[in-house]
Protein backbone atom coordinates (compact mmCIF):
# COMPACT_ATOMS: atom_id res chain seq x y z
CA MET A 1 13.21 146.69 60.18
CA SER A 2 16.40 145.87 58.73
CA ALA A 3 19.69 147.75 59.40
CA PRO A 4 20.87 150.50 56.95
CA SER A 5 24.24 148.24 56.43
CA GLY A 6 22.06 145.20 55.43
CA GLY A 7 22.66 141.91 57.26
CA GLN A 8 25.08 141.68 60.05
CA VAL A 9 27.80 138.48 60.09
CA ARG A 10 28.67 138.30 63.93
CA LEU A 11 32.42 136.83 63.88
CA ARG A 12 33.95 135.45 67.16
CA HIS A 13 37.59 133.27 68.21
CA GLY A 14 38.41 134.00 72.20
CA PRO A 15 38.79 137.44 73.10
CA TRP A 16 38.17 138.73 69.31
CA GLU A 17 34.66 139.72 67.99
CA ALA A 18 33.93 141.38 64.89
CA VAL A 19 30.50 142.89 62.40
CA VAL A 20 30.96 142.18 59.05
CA VAL A 21 27.98 143.97 57.00
CA GLU A 22 26.27 143.13 53.76
CA VAL A 23 25.97 146.64 52.41
CA GLY A 24 29.35 147.34 51.22
CA GLY A 25 30.87 144.17 51.94
CA GLY A 26 33.28 146.43 55.38
CA LEU A 27 33.44 145.99 59.03
CA ARG A 28 31.24 147.55 61.36
CA THR A 29 33.05 146.70 64.96
CA LEU A 30 36.25 144.74 65.79
CA THR A 31 36.84 143.84 69.77
CA HIS A 32 39.59 142.56 71.64
CA GLY A 33 38.41 141.56 75.52
CA GLY A 34 35.35 144.10 74.88
CA ALA A 35 37.04 146.75 74.06
CA ALA A 36 36.75 148.60 70.87
CA LEU A 37 39.74 148.43 68.32
CA LEU A 38 37.82 150.85 65.97
CA ASP A 39 35.92 153.60 65.80
CA GLY A 40 33.02 151.97 64.18
CA TYR A 41 29.33 152.48 64.03
CA ALA A 42 25.81 151.38 65.21
CA GLU A 43 23.93 148.69 63.74
CA GLY A 44 21.44 151.51 63.34
CA GLU A 45 23.43 154.04 61.68
CA MET A 46 24.97 154.06 58.24
CA ALA A 47 28.47 153.91 57.09
CA GLY A 48 29.97 157.90 56.97
CA GLY A 49 32.72 159.18 56.26
CA GLY A 50 34.06 155.82 54.30
CA ARG A 51 33.89 153.94 58.08
CA GLY A 52 35.22 150.14 57.67
CA GLN A 53 34.40 150.47 53.99
CA VAL A 54 36.07 148.92 50.72
CA LEU A 55 36.86 151.23 48.23
CA ALA A 56 37.41 149.87 44.97
CA PRO A 57 37.61 149.46 41.78
CA TRP A 58 39.84 152.96 42.89
CA PRO A 59 40.47 154.10 46.52
CA ASN A 60 40.40 157.75 47.22
CA ARG A 61 39.95 160.42 44.81
CA LEU A 62 39.23 160.44 40.96
CA ALA A 63 39.70 164.03 39.93
CA GLY A 64 36.73 165.48 38.08
CA GLY A 65 35.47 161.81 38.28
CA THR A 66 37.03 161.29 34.14
CA TYR A 67 39.92 159.09 33.12
CA ALA A 68 40.70 157.46 30.08
CA TRP A 69 41.60 154.20 29.01
CA ALA A 70 41.96 151.97 25.66
CA GLY A 71 40.91 155.11 24.05
CA ARG A 72 38.03 155.34 25.53
CA ASP A 73 37.13 158.91 27.77
CA LEU A 74 35.24 157.57 30.58
CA ARG A 75 33.41 159.79 33.80
CA ALA A 76 32.05 159.01 37.00
CA PRO A 77 29.74 160.79 39.12
CA LEU A 78 30.88 162.75 41.33
CA SER A 79 30.51 161.34 44.81
CA GLU A 80 32.48 164.28 46.01
CA PRO A 81 31.31 167.79 44.29
CA ALA A 82 32.61 170.22 46.63
CA ARG A 83 35.80 169.08 45.42
CA GLY A 84 34.59 167.78 42.21
CA ASN A 85 35.72 164.20 42.50
CA ALA A 86 34.34 160.88 42.15
CA ILE A 87 35.64 159.42 45.71
CA HIS A 88 36.60 156.00 46.95
CA GLY A 89 35.20 153.57 44.28
CA LEU A 90 31.47 152.02 43.38
CA VAL A 91 31.09 149.28 45.62
CA ARG A 92 30.64 150.93 48.98
CA TRP A 93 26.73 150.73 48.73
CA SER A 94 26.40 147.64 47.32
CA ASN A 95 24.85 144.43 48.56
CA TRP A 96 27.60 142.16 48.87
CA GLN A 97 26.85 138.45 49.58
CA ALA A 98 28.20 136.62 52.68
CA THR A 99 29.85 133.08 51.58
CA ASP A 100 31.92 130.87 52.96
CA ARG A 101 30.62 131.51 57.18
CA ALA A 102 32.17 129.84 59.74
CA PRO A 103 31.60 131.27 63.67
CA ASP A 104 35.17 132.86 62.81
CA ARG A 105 35.11 133.90 59.19
CA VAL A 106 33.36 134.85 56.18
CA THR A 107 33.76 135.97 52.76
CA MET A 108 31.47 139.02 51.49
CA ARG A 109 31.52 138.60 47.13
CA LEU A 110 30.08 141.25 44.72
CA ARG A 111 30.15 141.20 41.06
CA LEU A 112 30.32 144.81 39.79
CA HIS A 113 28.70 144.61 36.31
CA PRO A 114 29.94 146.79 33.52
CA GLN A 115 28.30 150.52 33.75
CA PRO A 116 28.95 153.87 32.40
CA ALA A 117 31.37 155.21 34.73
CA TYR A 118 33.42 151.27 35.05
CA PRO A 119 32.24 149.19 31.63
CA PHE A 120 34.66 146.50 33.02
CA ALA A 121 33.17 142.99 35.40
CA LEU A 122 35.15 142.22 38.07
CA ASP A 123 34.71 139.48 40.59
CA LEU A 124 35.73 140.88 44.39
CA ALA A 125 35.83 138.87 47.39
CA ALA A 126 36.99 140.30 50.74
CA ALA A 127 37.42 137.71 53.09
CA TYR A 128 37.59 138.10 57.09
CA VAL A 129 39.34 136.16 59.14
CA LEU A 130 39.70 136.39 63.23
CA GLY A 131 42.34 134.13 64.60
CA PRO A 132 44.72 133.89 68.08
CA ASP A 133 46.50 137.12 66.36
CA GLY A 134 43.50 138.79 65.50
CA LEU A 135 41.68 139.96 61.71
CA GLY A 136 42.98 138.97 59.14
CA VAL A 137 41.51 140.37 55.40
CA THR A 138 42.57 138.74 51.95
CA PHE A 139 41.30 140.56 49.21
CA THR A 140 40.74 139.40 45.43
CA ALA A 141 39.39 141.17 42.39
CA ALA A 142 39.14 138.79 39.24
CA ASN A 143 38.48 140.43 35.90
CA ALA A 144 35.39 138.61 34.23
CA GLY A 145 35.54 141.13 31.05
CA ASP A 146 36.89 140.52 27.71
CA GLY A 147 39.61 143.18 28.01
CA PRO A 148 41.84 144.90 30.07
CA ALA A 149 40.45 146.79 33.03
CA PRO A 150 42.07 149.57 35.40
CA PHE A 151 41.98 148.43 38.89
CA GLY A 152 42.83 149.71 42.56
CA VAL A 153 41.76 149.32 46.10
CA GLY A 154 41.57 150.23 49.62
CA PHE A 155 40.26 149.72 52.98
CA HIS A 156 39.14 152.65 55.68
CA PRO A 157 39.12 151.60 59.24
CA TYR A 158 39.44 153.94 62.30
CA LEU A 159 41.35 152.85 64.52
CA THR A 160 41.20 153.89 68.56
CA ALA A 161 43.72 153.19 71.09
CA GLY A 162 41.08 154.69 74.09
CA THR A 163 42.45 157.40 74.52
CA GLY A 164 39.22 159.74 73.24
CA LEU A 165 40.95 162.00 70.96
CA VAL A 166 43.08 160.57 69.14
CA ASP A 167 45.67 163.70 70.32
CA ASP A 168 47.29 161.58 73.10
CA ALA A 169 47.65 158.49 71.07
CA VAL A 170 51.19 157.60 69.82
CA LEU A 171 51.53 156.86 66.19
CA THR A 172 54.16 155.24 64.28
CA VAL A 173 54.03 154.57 60.04
CA PRO A 174 57.12 153.47 58.74
CA ALA A 175 57.41 155.44 55.33
CA ASP A 176 59.83 157.26 54.15
CA ALA A 177 57.89 159.47 51.73
CA TRP A 178 54.62 160.90 51.41
CA LEU A 179 52.90 162.68 48.31
CA PRO A 180 51.49 165.95 48.67
CA ALA A 181 47.73 167.02 47.32
CA ASP A 182 46.40 169.90 46.03
CA ASP A 183 43.17 171.99 47.63
CA ALA A 184 40.90 169.46 45.97
CA GLY A 185 42.91 166.32 47.41
CA ILE A 186 44.40 165.25 44.29
CA PRO A 187 48.51 164.24 44.48
CA THR A 188 50.35 166.81 42.25
CA GLY A 189 53.19 164.40 41.43
CA GLU A 190 55.34 165.09 43.76
CA ARG A 191 56.85 162.48 46.05
CA ARG A 192 58.81 163.91 49.28
CA PRO A 193 60.88 163.05 52.34
CA VAL A 194 58.95 162.89 54.93
CA ASP A 195 59.37 165.30 58.32
CA GLY A 196 58.27 167.29 60.90
CA ASP A 197 55.29 166.31 61.60
CA LEU A 198 55.06 163.92 58.61
CA ASP A 199 58.11 161.92 60.15
CA LEU A 200 56.26 159.39 62.19
CA ARG A 201 59.15 156.24 61.78
CA ARG A 202 59.80 156.18 65.41
CA GLY A 203 56.29 156.87 66.51
CA ARG A 204 55.26 160.35 67.77
CA ALA A 205 52.46 161.53 69.96
CA ILE A 206 49.91 162.77 67.69
CA GLY A 207 49.00 165.92 69.40
CA GLY A 208 47.46 168.71 67.64
CA ALA A 209 48.81 167.33 64.44
CA VAL A 210 46.09 167.77 61.21
CA LEU A 211 46.94 164.52 58.91
CA ASP A 212 45.15 163.72 55.97
CA HIS A 213 48.17 162.41 53.81
CA CYS A 214 49.12 159.36 51.62
CA PHE A 215 52.51 158.08 52.94
CA THR A 216 54.27 155.34 50.32
CA GLY A 217 57.90 153.86 50.56
CA LEU A 218 57.17 151.86 53.00
CA VAL A 219 59.72 149.91 55.27
CA ARG A 220 58.89 146.20 55.53
CA ASP A 221 59.16 143.32 57.53
CA ALA A 222 61.01 140.00 56.46
CA GLU A 223 57.30 138.74 55.78
CA GLY A 224 57.08 141.69 53.08
CA ARG A 225 54.59 143.66 55.93
CA ALA A 226 54.85 147.01 56.65
CA THR A 227 52.86 147.90 59.84
CA VAL A 228 51.34 151.07 61.25
CA THR A 229 51.06 151.39 64.98
CA LEU A 230 48.70 153.24 67.21
CA GLU A 231 49.17 153.34 70.99
CA GLY A 232 47.51 154.79 74.15
CA PRO A 233 48.06 154.06 77.86
CA SER A 234 45.85 150.55 77.80
CA ARG A 235 46.44 149.41 74.14
CA ARG A 236 48.63 149.11 71.65
CA LEU A 237 47.05 148.74 67.70
CA ARG A 238 48.92 147.38 65.10
CA LEU A 239 47.88 147.67 61.31
CA TRP A 240 49.70 145.51 58.92
CA MET A 241 49.44 145.17 55.49
CA ASP A 242 51.37 142.93 52.73
CA GLY A 243 53.40 144.52 49.75
CA ALA A 244 50.19 144.51 47.46
CA PHE A 245 49.62 147.85 49.47
CA GLY A 246 52.28 150.35 48.44
CA PHE A 247 50.16 153.46 49.85
CA VAL A 248 48.78 154.27 53.46
CA MET A 249 46.23 157.19 53.63
CA VAL A 250 46.43 158.34 57.46
CA PHE A 251 43.47 160.62 58.80
CA THR A 252 42.84 162.37 61.57
CA GLY A 253 38.86 162.82 61.19
CA ASP A 254 38.77 166.09 61.48
CA THR A 255 36.66 167.14 59.10
CA LEU A 256 33.85 164.45 60.30
CA PRO A 257 30.54 165.32 62.10
CA PRO A 258 31.64 166.78 65.65
CA GLN A 259 30.86 162.96 67.10
CA HIS A 260 33.48 161.23 65.24
CA ARG A 261 35.75 164.13 64.63
CA ARG A 262 39.61 162.99 66.37
CA ARG A 263 38.15 160.01 67.95
CA GLY A 264 39.46 157.53 65.52
CA VAL A 265 42.66 157.56 63.02
CA ALA A 266 41.62 156.27 59.91
CA VAL A 267 44.98 153.72 58.54
CA GLU A 268 44.22 152.98 54.84
CA PRO A 269 46.19 150.76 53.16
CA MET A 270 46.05 151.23 49.64
CA SER A 271 47.46 149.48 46.15
CA CYS A 272 47.44 152.74 44.62
CA ALA A 273 47.42 156.39 45.25
CA ALA A 274 44.71 158.87 44.98
CA ASP A 275 43.94 159.89 41.08
CA ALA A 276 45.65 156.62 39.97
CA PHE A 277 43.61 156.34 37.08
CA ASN A 278 44.93 159.44 35.86
CA SER A 279 48.76 158.81 37.10
CA GLY A 280 49.12 155.28 37.03
CA ALA A 281 50.83 155.37 40.56
CA GLY A 282 50.03 152.37 41.68
CA LEU A 283 47.78 151.46 39.27
CA VAL A 284 46.80 147.93 38.46
CA ALA A 285 46.00 146.30 34.98
CA LEU A 286 43.79 143.46 34.89
CA ASP A 287 44.00 141.16 31.85
CA PRO A 288 40.82 138.86 31.04
CA GLY A 289 41.06 136.57 34.05
CA GLY A 290 43.50 137.95 35.63
CA THR A 291 43.51 138.18 39.45
CA PHE A 292 44.59 140.83 42.04
CA SER A 293 45.52 139.79 45.78
CA GLY A 294 46.12 141.50 48.66
CA SER A 295 46.02 140.93 52.50
CA TRP A 296 46.19 143.06 55.80
CA GLY A 297 45.00 142.93 59.38
CA ILE A 298 44.64 144.41 62.77
CA ALA A 299 46.63 142.79 66.01
CA VAL A 300 46.93 144.25 69.52
CA GLY A 301 50.10 144.26 71.34
């Protein structure tokens, strides 16, 4: 019997191991020296809660599942019916093809064909590489159609620093601002400076804070990377993202099923904000033949 997540691609480099899956082209597990760095999911399970998935051609929520593009009114299926939204794009349950395989790397590819929800053609590729510094992921999207296409992408790993519940972990998010959202999870259009529990620039224990917030105004190093850290008593994780990702969603998992609730922190690099197909916040317009590229990764120490 095949796994719910399809084919399993196992990668290894020194103390690093990862499993990348066919369904959704996502990351199921990542370990270092045998210690789990992700609150992932078992081979016999489906990827609940967006766990490890690629979110394209939009991340997060699309209000009412509707948007307008080039004079056309378009509608996506409401994959989050309780809130009336289409969430996390259209490729999470597609069968991606594993190419360019080696013991420490694989590239997952998918042709996203035109459909009523998204009448555009994209060639998508997610290259996963393990090296001495950890996991690196490079994502590319190429417009294979004959007209401009709206585009955004995100990724949905749940980090764990080995603390059991996330309450005892120390979280650092180098962001100067956050985007308030309404009850449906759609940004209101405001941009506020971080303060209180949302000022994570110097690092603080998560404690009882309930986080499901989009941060922006990311502070970057000399290489243009912004780095979120999660630290427990035995290890410190660093999730970095390059300049293609101007937003990061941080979610403490309070609405997940009990076995996963507050067991990991979803740190989600996003190229655009939620509902960007309507607001334009970070939205990319890919011309025919045009390409988007962005990289992120996970390291320890």
